[in-house]
Amino acid sequence: MTVTVDAATHRKLAIDANNSTWEFLGKDPADISENEAEEMTRRAYAAAYHWARAEGTGPVNEARAEWLLARVWVARSNGAVALGHARRCLDMCMTHGLVDFDLAYAHEATARALACTGDAQAAADHLAAARDVAIADVEDKAQVDSDLATGPWFGLDSK
């Protein structure tokens, strides 16, 4: 039996899956159990799946879904997989002219993934690029700065 899900329901499911992923991402990665890591990963992929089918979706949703996947894989210390998602996030920003908050986070994701792979110089370059992005909203800028000051950075000096 095939169940048809309308675009509005996909949107609600995308938001729910995205937000529930933070139950785990809000923890120190060392405190995430293997079962929690699997659940976190399922939720992030579910969010990406539903965003691709949601009403009113666009490149920003795809970029943010890729960012979330990169962050999940960084939390799992799998830099190679994280880097693939981070690069897709950054590519979406560059291709579709996404700037401000989204571009800063695309560089942040790329920096973390590179740090996780051990490429400290490239990671530092993307971290600097994240800091250099102009962010108009004061609250968004404060959120980005706070996230950049918080690990995991895999030994990279994030100050």
N, C-alpha and C. Protein backbone atom coordinates (compact mmCIF):
# COMPACT_ATOMS: atom_id res chain seq x y z
N MET A 1 0.83 -1.17 0.00
CA MET A 1 0.00 0.00 0.00
C MET A 1 0.89 1.25 0.00
N THR A 2 0.60 2.15 -0.90
CA THR A 2 1.34 3.39 -1.00
C THR A 2 0.58 4.48 -0.27
N VAL A 3 1.29 5.21 0.59
CA VAL A 3 0.70 6.33 1.30
C VAL A 3 1.23 7.60 0.67
N THR A 4 0.33 8.48 0.29
CA THR A 4 0.72 9.74 -0.29
C THR A 4 0.77 10.79 0.81
N VAL A 5 1.88 11.49 0.88
CA VAL A 5 2.07 12.54 1.87
C VAL A 5 2.12 13.87 1.12
N ASP A 6 1.27 14.81 1.52
CA ASP A 6 1.24 16.10 0.83
C ASP A 6 2.43 16.96 1.27
N ALA A 7 2.68 17.99 0.48
CA ALA A 7 3.85 18.85 0.70
C ALA A 7 3.81 19.57 2.05
N ALA A 8 2.63 19.90 2.55
CA ALA A 8 2.52 20.56 3.85
C ALA A 8 2.93 19.60 4.96
N THR A 9 2.55 18.33 4.83
CA THR A 9 2.93 17.34 5.82
C THR A 9 4.43 17.08 5.77
N HIS A 10 4.99 17.03 4.56
CA HIS A 10 6.45 16.89 4.44
C HIS A 10 7.15 18.04 5.17
N ARG A 11 6.63 19.24 5.05
CA ARG A 11 7.23 20.39 5.72
C ARG A 11 7.21 20.20 7.24
N LYS A 12 6.07 19.80 7.78
CA LYS A 12 5.96 19.57 9.22
C LYS A 12 6.92 18.47 9.66
N LEU A 13 6.99 17.39 8.89
CA LEU A 13 7.88 16.28 9.24
C LEU A 13 9.35 16.71 9.16
N ALA A 14 9.68 17.55 8.19
CA ALA A 14 11.06 18.05 8.05
C ALA A 14 11.44 18.87 9.28
N ILE A 15 10.55 19.76 9.68
CA ILE A 15 10.82 20.60 10.85
C ILE A 15 10.97 19.73 12.10
N ASP A 16 10.06 18.77 12.26
CA ASP A 16 10.12 17.89 13.44
C ASP A 16 11.42 17.08 13.47
N ALA A 17 11.78 16.51 12.33
CA ALA A 17 13.01 15.69 12.27
C ALA A 17 14.24 16.56 12.51
N ASN A 18 14.27 17.74 11.91
CA ASN A 18 15.39 18.66 12.09
C ASN A 18 15.52 19.03 13.57
N ASN A 19 14.44 19.50 14.15
CA ASN A 19 14.50 19.96 15.55
C ASN A 19 14.83 18.83 16.51
N SER A 20 14.32 17.64 16.26
CA SER A 20 14.57 16.53 17.18
C SER A 20 16.02 16.04 17.10
N THR A 21 16.70 16.32 16.01
CA THR A 21 18.11 15.96 15.90
C THR A 21 18.93 16.67 16.98
N TRP A 22 18.47 17.84 17.38
CA TRP A 22 19.19 18.63 18.39
C TRP A 22 19.11 18.04 19.79
N GLU A 23 18.23 17.05 20.01
CA GLU A 23 18.26 16.32 21.28
C GLU A 23 19.65 15.74 21.51
N PHE A 24 20.29 15.35 20.43
CA PHE A 24 21.61 14.72 20.48
C PHE A 24 22.73 15.71 20.21
N LEU A 25 22.55 16.58 19.22
CA LEU A 25 23.61 17.53 18.90
C LEU A 25 23.84 18.53 20.02
N GLY A 26 22.88 18.68 20.90
CA GLY A 26 23.05 19.56 22.04
C GLY A 26 23.95 18.98 23.11
N LYS A 27 24.32 17.72 22.96
CA LYS A 27 25.19 17.05 23.94
C LYS A 27 26.65 17.13 23.49
N ASP A 28 27.54 16.93 24.44
CA ASP A 28 28.95 16.75 24.10
C ASP A 28 29.03 15.45 23.30
N PRO A 29 29.73 15.44 22.16
CA PRO A 29 29.80 14.23 21.35
C PRO A 29 30.25 12.98 22.13
N ALA A 30 31.10 13.18 23.14
CA ALA A 30 31.56 12.04 23.93
C ALA A 30 30.44 11.41 24.76
N ASP A 31 29.36 12.17 24.95
CA ASP A 31 28.23 11.68 25.75
C ASP A 31 27.11 11.08 24.90
N ILE A 32 27.31 11.00 23.59
CA ILE A 32 26.30 10.42 22.70
C ILE A 32 26.60 8.93 22.55
N SER A 33 25.66 8.11 22.98
CA SER A 33 25.85 6.66 22.86
C SER A 33 25.75 6.24 21.40
N GLU A 34 26.17 5.02 21.11
CA GLU A 34 26.09 4.52 19.73
C GLU A 34 24.64 4.48 19.26
N ASN A 35 23.73 4.05 20.13
CA ASN A 35 22.31 4.03 19.76
C ASN A 35 21.79 5.44 19.49
N GLU A 36 22.20 6.40 20.32
CA GLU A 36 21.80 7.78 20.10
C GLU A 36 22.40 8.33 18.80
N ALA A 37 23.63 7.96 18.52
CA ALA A 37 24.27 8.40 17.27
C ALA A 37 23.50 7.89 16.06
N GLU A 38 23.07 6.66 16.12
CA GLU A 38 22.27 6.10 15.01
C GLU A 38 20.95 6.83 14.88
N GLU A 39 20.29 7.08 15.99
CA GLU A 39 19.00 7.79 15.96
C GLU A 39 19.17 9.22 15.45
N MET A 40 20.21 9.89 15.92
CA MET A 40 20.51 11.25 15.47
C MET A 40 20.71 11.28 13.95
N THR A 41 21.43 10.31 13.44
CA THR A 41 21.71 10.23 12.01
C THR A 41 20.43 9.98 11.22
N ARG A 42 19.60 9.06 11.70
CA ARG A 42 18.33 8.79 11.02
C ARG A 42 17.48 10.06 10.95
N ARG A 43 17.43 10.78 12.05
CA ARG A 43 16.61 12.00 12.09
C ARG A 43 17.13 13.06 11.11
N ALA A 44 18.43 13.21 11.03
CA ALA A 44 18.99 14.20 10.11
C ALA A 44 18.70 13.82 8.66
N TYR A 45 18.84 12.55 8.31
CA TYR A 45 18.52 12.13 6.95
C TYR A 45 17.02 12.23 6.68
N ALA A 46 16.20 11.97 7.69
CA ALA A 46 14.75 12.13 7.53
C ALA A 46 14.41 13.60 7.26
N ALA A 47 15.07 14.50 7.97
CA ALA A 47 14.84 15.92 7.74
C ALA A 47 15.18 16.28 6.30
N ALA A 48 16.32 15.82 5.81
CA ALA A 48 16.73 16.12 4.43
C ALA A 48 15.72 15.55 3.43
N TYR A 49 15.27 14.33 3.67
CA TYR A 49 14.28 13.69 2.79
C TYR A 49 13.01 14.53 2.72
N HIS A 50 12.50 14.92 3.88
CA HIS A 50 11.24 15.67 3.90
C HIS A 50 11.40 17.09 3.37
N TRP A 51 12.56 17.74 3.63
CA TRP A 51 12.77 19.07 3.07
C TRP A 51 12.75 19.03 1.55
N ALA A 52 13.25 17.97 0.97
CA ALA A 52 13.28 17.87 -0.49
C ALA A 52 11.88 17.77 -1.09
N ARG A 53 10.89 17.47 -0.27
CA ARG A 53 9.53 17.27 -0.75
C ARG A 53 8.53 18.26 -0.14
N ALA A 54 9.00 19.17 0.68
CA ALA A 54 8.13 20.08 1.42
C ALA A 54 7.66 21.24 0.57
N GLU A 55 6.50 21.78 0.96
CA GLU A 55 6.01 22.98 0.27
C GLU A 55 6.92 24.15 0.61
N GLY A 56 7.09 25.03 -0.36
CA GLY A 56 7.87 26.22 -0.14
C GLY A 56 9.35 25.99 0.05
N THR A 57 9.83 24.81 -0.33
CA THR A 57 11.24 24.50 -0.14
C THR A 57 12.08 25.13 -1.25
N GLY A 58 13.33 25.33 -0.95
CA GLY A 58 14.23 25.91 -1.93
C GLY A 58 15.66 25.60 -1.58
N PRO A 59 16.59 26.24 -2.26
CA PRO A 59 18.01 25.98 -2.01
C PRO A 59 18.43 26.18 -0.56
N VAL A 60 17.83 27.14 0.13
CA VAL A 60 18.21 27.36 1.53
C VAL A 60 17.89 26.13 2.37
N ASN A 61 16.77 25.48 2.10
CA ASN A 61 16.41 24.28 2.86
C ASN A 61 17.37 23.14 2.57
N GLU A 62 17.75 23.01 1.30
CA GLU A 62 18.70 21.96 0.94
C GLU A 62 20.07 22.22 1.57
N ALA A 63 20.50 23.48 1.54
CA ALA A 63 21.79 23.83 2.15
C ALA A 63 21.77 23.54 3.65
N ARG A 64 20.69 23.91 4.31
CA ARG A 64 20.60 23.68 5.75
C ARG A 64 20.50 22.20 6.08
N ALA A 65 19.85 21.43 5.22
CA ALA A 65 19.80 19.98 5.44
C ALA A 65 21.20 19.38 5.31
N GLU A 66 21.96 19.83 4.33
CA GLU A 66 23.34 19.36 4.17
C GLU A 66 24.19 19.79 5.36
N TRP A 67 23.97 21.01 5.86
CA TRP A 67 24.70 21.46 7.04
C TRP A 67 24.41 20.55 8.24
N LEU A 68 23.14 20.22 8.45
CA LEU A 68 22.78 19.37 9.58
C LEU A 68 23.44 18.00 9.46
N LEU A 69 23.44 17.45 8.26
CA LEU A 69 24.09 16.16 8.05
C LEU A 69 25.60 16.25 8.32
N ALA A 70 26.22 17.33 7.88
CA ALA A 70 27.65 17.51 8.16
C ALA A 70 27.88 17.57 9.66
N ARG A 71 27.04 18.28 10.36
CA ARG A 71 27.22 18.43 11.81
C ARG A 71 27.04 17.09 12.53
N VAL A 72 26.08 16.31 12.08
CA VAL A 72 25.86 14.98 12.66
C VAL A 72 27.10 14.11 12.46
N TRP A 73 27.65 14.11 11.26
CA TRP A 73 28.81 13.26 10.99
C TRP A 73 30.06 13.78 11.71
N VAL A 74 30.17 15.07 11.93
CA VAL A 74 31.26 15.60 12.76
C VAL A 74 31.10 15.09 14.19
N ALA A 75 29.87 15.14 14.70
CA ALA A 75 29.62 14.64 16.06
C ALA A 75 29.98 13.16 16.18
N ARG A 76 29.90 12.45 15.05
CA ARG A 76 30.25 11.03 15.02
C ARG A 76 31.72 10.83 14.67
N SER A 77 32.47 11.92 14.53
CA SER A 77 33.90 11.90 14.21
C SER A 77 34.21 11.22 12.88
N ASN A 78 33.31 11.38 11.92
CA ASN A 78 33.53 10.84 10.59
C ASN A 78 33.69 12.02 9.63
N GLY A 79 34.92 12.54 9.59
CA GLY A 79 35.20 13.72 8.80
C GLY A 79 34.98 13.56 7.31
N ALA A 80 35.25 12.38 6.78
CA ALA A 80 35.09 12.17 5.33
C ALA A 80 33.63 12.34 4.91
N VAL A 81 32.73 11.72 5.65
CA VAL A 81 31.31 11.85 5.31
C VAL A 81 30.84 13.28 5.60
N ALA A 82 31.27 13.84 6.72
CA ALA A 82 30.90 15.21 7.06
C ALA A 82 31.35 16.18 5.97
N LEU A 83 32.55 15.98 5.46
CA LEU A 83 33.09 16.88 4.45
C LEU A 83 32.27 16.85 3.16
N GLY A 84 31.80 15.68 2.78
CA GLY A 84 30.95 15.60 1.59
C GLY A 84 29.69 16.45 1.74
N HIS A 85 29.05 16.35 2.90
CA HIS A 85 27.85 17.15 3.15
C HIS A 85 28.18 18.63 3.27
N ALA A 86 29.28 18.95 3.95
CA ALA A 86 29.68 20.35 4.11
C ALA A 86 29.98 20.99 2.75
N ARG A 87 30.65 20.26 1.89
CA ARG A 87 30.95 20.80 0.56
C ARG A 87 29.69 21.01 -0.26
N ARG A 88 28.71 20.10 -0.12
CA ARG A 88 27.44 20.30 -0.83
C ARG A 88 26.72 21.53 -0.27
N CYS A 89 26.79 21.73 1.05
CA CYS A 89 26.19 22.91 1.67
C CYS A 89 26.83 24.18 1.13
N LEU A 90 28.15 24.22 1.11
CA LEU A 90 28.87 25.39 0.61
C LEU A 90 28.59 25.61 -0.87
N ASP A 91 28.53 24.54 -1.64
CA ASP A 91 28.22 24.65 -3.07
C ASP A 91 26.82 25.22 -3.28
N MET A 92 25.86 24.79 -2.47
CA MET A 92 24.50 25.33 -2.58
C MET A 92 24.50 26.84 -2.31
N CYS A 93 25.25 27.25 -1.31
CA CYS A 93 25.34 28.68 -0.99
C CYS A 93 25.94 29.45 -2.15
N MET A 94 27.03 28.94 -2.71
CA MET A 94 27.71 29.64 -3.79
C MET A 94 26.87 29.65 -5.07
N THR A 95 26.26 28.53 -5.38
CA THR A 95 25.47 28.41 -6.61
C THR A 95 24.22 29.27 -6.58
N HIS A 96 23.60 29.36 -5.41
CA HIS A 96 22.31 30.05 -5.31
C HIS A 96 22.38 31.40 -4.61
N GLY A 97 23.59 31.89 -4.39
CA GLY A 97 23.74 33.21 -3.80
C GLY A 97 23.27 33.33 -2.36
N LEU A 98 23.36 32.23 -1.63
CA LEU A 98 22.99 32.27 -0.22
C LEU A 98 24.15 32.90 0.55
N VAL A 99 23.86 33.91 1.30
CA VAL A 99 24.90 34.67 2.01
C VAL A 99 24.53 34.75 3.48
N ASP A 100 25.20 35.64 4.18
CA ASP A 100 24.85 35.94 5.56
C ASP A 100 24.99 34.69 6.42
N PHE A 101 24.01 34.42 7.22
CA PHE A 101 23.95 33.31 8.17
C PHE A 101 24.27 31.97 7.50
N ASP A 102 23.65 31.71 6.36
CA ASP A 102 23.83 30.41 5.69
C ASP A 102 25.25 30.22 5.17
N LEU A 103 25.83 31.25 4.62
CA LEU A 103 27.20 31.15 4.13
C LEU A 103 28.19 30.97 5.28
N ALA A 104 27.96 31.69 6.37
CA ALA A 104 28.84 31.53 7.54
C ALA A 104 28.79 30.08 8.03
N TYR A 105 27.59 29.52 8.11
CA TYR A 105 27.48 28.14 8.59
C TYR A 105 28.02 27.12 7.58
N ALA A 106 27.95 27.44 6.31
CA ALA A 106 28.55 26.53 5.32
C ALA A 106 30.06 26.46 5.52
N HIS A 107 30.68 27.60 5.78
CA HIS A 107 32.12 27.61 6.05
C HIS A 107 32.42 26.93 7.39
N GLU A 108 31.56 27.15 8.39
CA GLU A 108 31.74 26.51 9.70
C GLU A 108 31.70 24.99 9.55
N ALA A 109 30.73 24.48 8.80
CA ALA A 109 30.61 23.03 8.60
C ALA A 109 31.84 22.48 7.89
N THR A 110 32.30 23.21 6.89
CA THR A 110 33.48 22.78 6.14
C THR A 110 34.71 22.80 7.04
N ALA A 111 34.83 23.84 7.86
CA ALA A 111 35.97 23.92 8.79
C ALA A 111 35.96 22.76 9.77
N ARG A 112 34.82 22.46 10.35
CA ARG A 112 34.75 21.35 11.31
C ARG A 112 35.07 20.02 10.65
N ALA A 113 34.52 19.80 9.47
CA ALA A 113 34.76 18.54 8.77
C ALA A 113 36.24 18.40 8.43
N LEU A 114 36.85 19.47 7.95
CA LEU A 114 38.27 19.42 7.63
C LEU A 114 39.12 19.19 8.88
N ALA A 115 38.74 19.86 9.98
CA ALA A 115 39.46 19.64 11.24
C ALA A 115 39.33 18.17 11.66
N CYS A 116 38.16 17.61 11.46
CA CYS A 116 37.92 16.20 11.81
C CYS A 116 38.78 15.26 10.98
N THR A 117 39.06 15.65 9.74
CA THR A 117 39.91 14.82 8.87
C THR A 117 41.40 15.05 9.14
N GLY A 118 41.72 16.08 9.93
CA GLY A 118 43.11 16.36 10.24
C GLY A 118 43.74 17.41 9.36
N ASP A 119 42.98 18.04 8.47
CA ASP A 119 43.51 19.08 7.58
C ASP A 119 43.37 20.44 8.28
N ALA A 120 44.27 20.70 9.22
CA ALA A 120 44.19 21.88 10.07
C ALA A 120 44.28 23.19 9.28
N GLN A 121 45.13 23.26 8.26
CA GLN A 121 45.29 24.51 7.52
C GLN A 121 44.02 24.87 6.75
N ALA A 122 43.46 23.91 6.04
CA ALA A 122 42.23 24.18 5.30
C ALA A 122 41.09 24.48 6.26
N ALA A 123 41.07 23.78 7.40
CA ALA A 123 40.04 24.03 8.41
C ALA A 123 40.16 25.47 8.93
N ALA A 124 41.37 25.90 9.22
CA ALA A 124 41.59 27.26 9.71
C ALA A 124 41.16 28.29 8.67
N ASP A 125 41.41 27.99 7.40
CA ASP A 125 41.00 28.91 6.33
C ASP A 125 39.48 29.06 6.29
N HIS A 126 38.76 27.96 6.40
CA HIS A 126 37.29 28.02 6.37
C HIS A 126 36.73 28.63 7.66
N LEU A 127 37.40 28.40 8.77
CA LEU A 127 36.98 29.03 10.02
C LEU A 127 37.12 30.54 9.90
N ALA A 128 38.22 31.00 9.34
CA ALA A 128 38.42 32.44 9.11
C ALA A 128 37.36 32.98 8.15
N ALA A 129 37.05 32.21 7.11
CA ALA A 129 36.03 32.63 6.16
C ALA A 129 34.66 32.74 6.84
N ALA A 130 34.36 31.80 7.74
CA ALA A 130 33.09 31.85 8.48
C ALA A 130 33.02 33.13 9.31
N ARG A 131 34.11 33.47 9.95
CA ARG A 131 34.15 34.69 10.78
C ARG A 131 34.04 35.96 9.94
N ASP A 132 34.51 35.88 8.68
CA ASP A 132 34.53 37.07 7.82
C ASP A 132 33.20 37.35 7.12
N VAL A 133 32.26 36.41 7.18
CA VAL A 133 30.98 36.61 6.51
C VAL A 133 30.20 37.71 7.24
N ALA A 134 29.73 38.67 6.48
CA ALA A 134 28.91 39.75 7.05
C ALA A 134 27.52 39.19 7.36
N ILE A 135 27.10 39.36 8.60
CA ILE A 135 25.78 38.89 9.04
C ILE A 135 25.01 40.10 9.54
N ALA A 136 23.89 40.39 8.88
CA ALA A 136 23.14 41.61 9.16
C ALA A 136 22.44 41.59 10.52
N ASP A 137 21.80 40.49 10.85
CA ASP A 137 21.02 40.39 12.08
C ASP A 137 21.95 40.18 13.27
N VAL A 138 21.80 41.02 14.28
CA VAL A 138 22.67 40.97 15.46
C VAL A 138 22.53 39.63 16.18
N GLU A 139 21.31 39.13 16.32
CA GLU A 139 21.10 37.84 16.99
C GLU A 139 21.71 36.69 16.20
N ASP A 140 21.56 36.71 14.88
CA ASP A 140 22.17 35.67 14.04
C ASP A 140 23.69 35.71 14.18
N LYS A 141 24.26 36.91 14.18
CA LYS A 141 25.72 37.07 14.32
C LYS A 141 26.18 36.51 15.66
N ALA A 142 25.44 36.79 16.72
CA ALA A 142 25.79 36.29 18.05
C ALA A 142 25.71 34.77 18.07
N GLN A 143 24.72 34.19 17.40
CA GLN A 143 24.58 32.73 17.35
C GLN A 143 25.76 32.10 16.61
N VAL A 144 26.12 32.67 15.48
CA VAL A 144 27.26 32.15 14.72
C VAL A 144 28.53 32.24 15.56
N ASP A 145 28.78 33.39 16.17
CA ASP A 145 29.98 33.57 17.00
C ASP A 145 30.01 32.57 18.15
N SER A 146 28.88 32.35 18.77
CA SER A 146 28.80 31.38 19.87
C SER A 146 29.11 29.97 19.38
N ASP A 147 28.54 29.60 18.24
CA ASP A 147 28.79 28.26 17.70
C ASP A 147 30.24 28.08 17.27
N LEU A 148 30.84 29.14 16.74
CA LEU A 148 32.24 29.04 16.33
C LEU A 148 33.16 28.87 17.53
N ALA A 149 32.73 29.35 18.68
CA ALA A 149 33.54 29.25 19.89
C ALA A 149 33.37 27.90 20.60
N THR A 150 32.45 27.08 20.11
CA THR A 150 32.14 25.80 20.74
C THR A 150 32.59 24.65 19.86
N GLY A 151 33.18 23.62 20.47
CA GLY A 151 33.66 22.45 19.74
C GLY A 151 32.55 21.56 19.27
N PRO A 152 32.91 20.47 18.67
CA PRO A 152 34.27 19.94 18.57
C PRO A 152 35.06 20.58 17.43
N TRP A 153 36.35 20.83 17.71
CA TRP A 153 37.26 21.37 16.71
C TRP A 153 38.48 20.46 16.49
N PHE A 154 38.52 19.34 17.12
CA PHE A 154 39.55 18.33 16.86
C PHE A 154 40.97 18.89 16.93
N GLY A 155 41.21 19.71 17.95
CA GLY A 155 42.54 20.26 18.16
C GLY A 155 42.81 21.58 17.45
N LEU A 156 41.92 22.00 16.57
CA LEU A 156 42.10 23.28 15.89
C LEU A 156 41.79 24.41 16.87
N ASP A 157 42.63 25.41 16.92
CA ASP A 157 42.38 26.55 17.78
C ASP A 157 41.27 27.39 17.14
N SER A 158 40.10 27.39 17.76
CA SER A 158 38.95 28.09 17.17
C SER A 158 38.82 29.52 17.70
N LYS A 159 39.78 29.99 18.45
CA LYS A 159 39.70 31.34 19.01
C LYS A 159 40.09 32.38 18.02
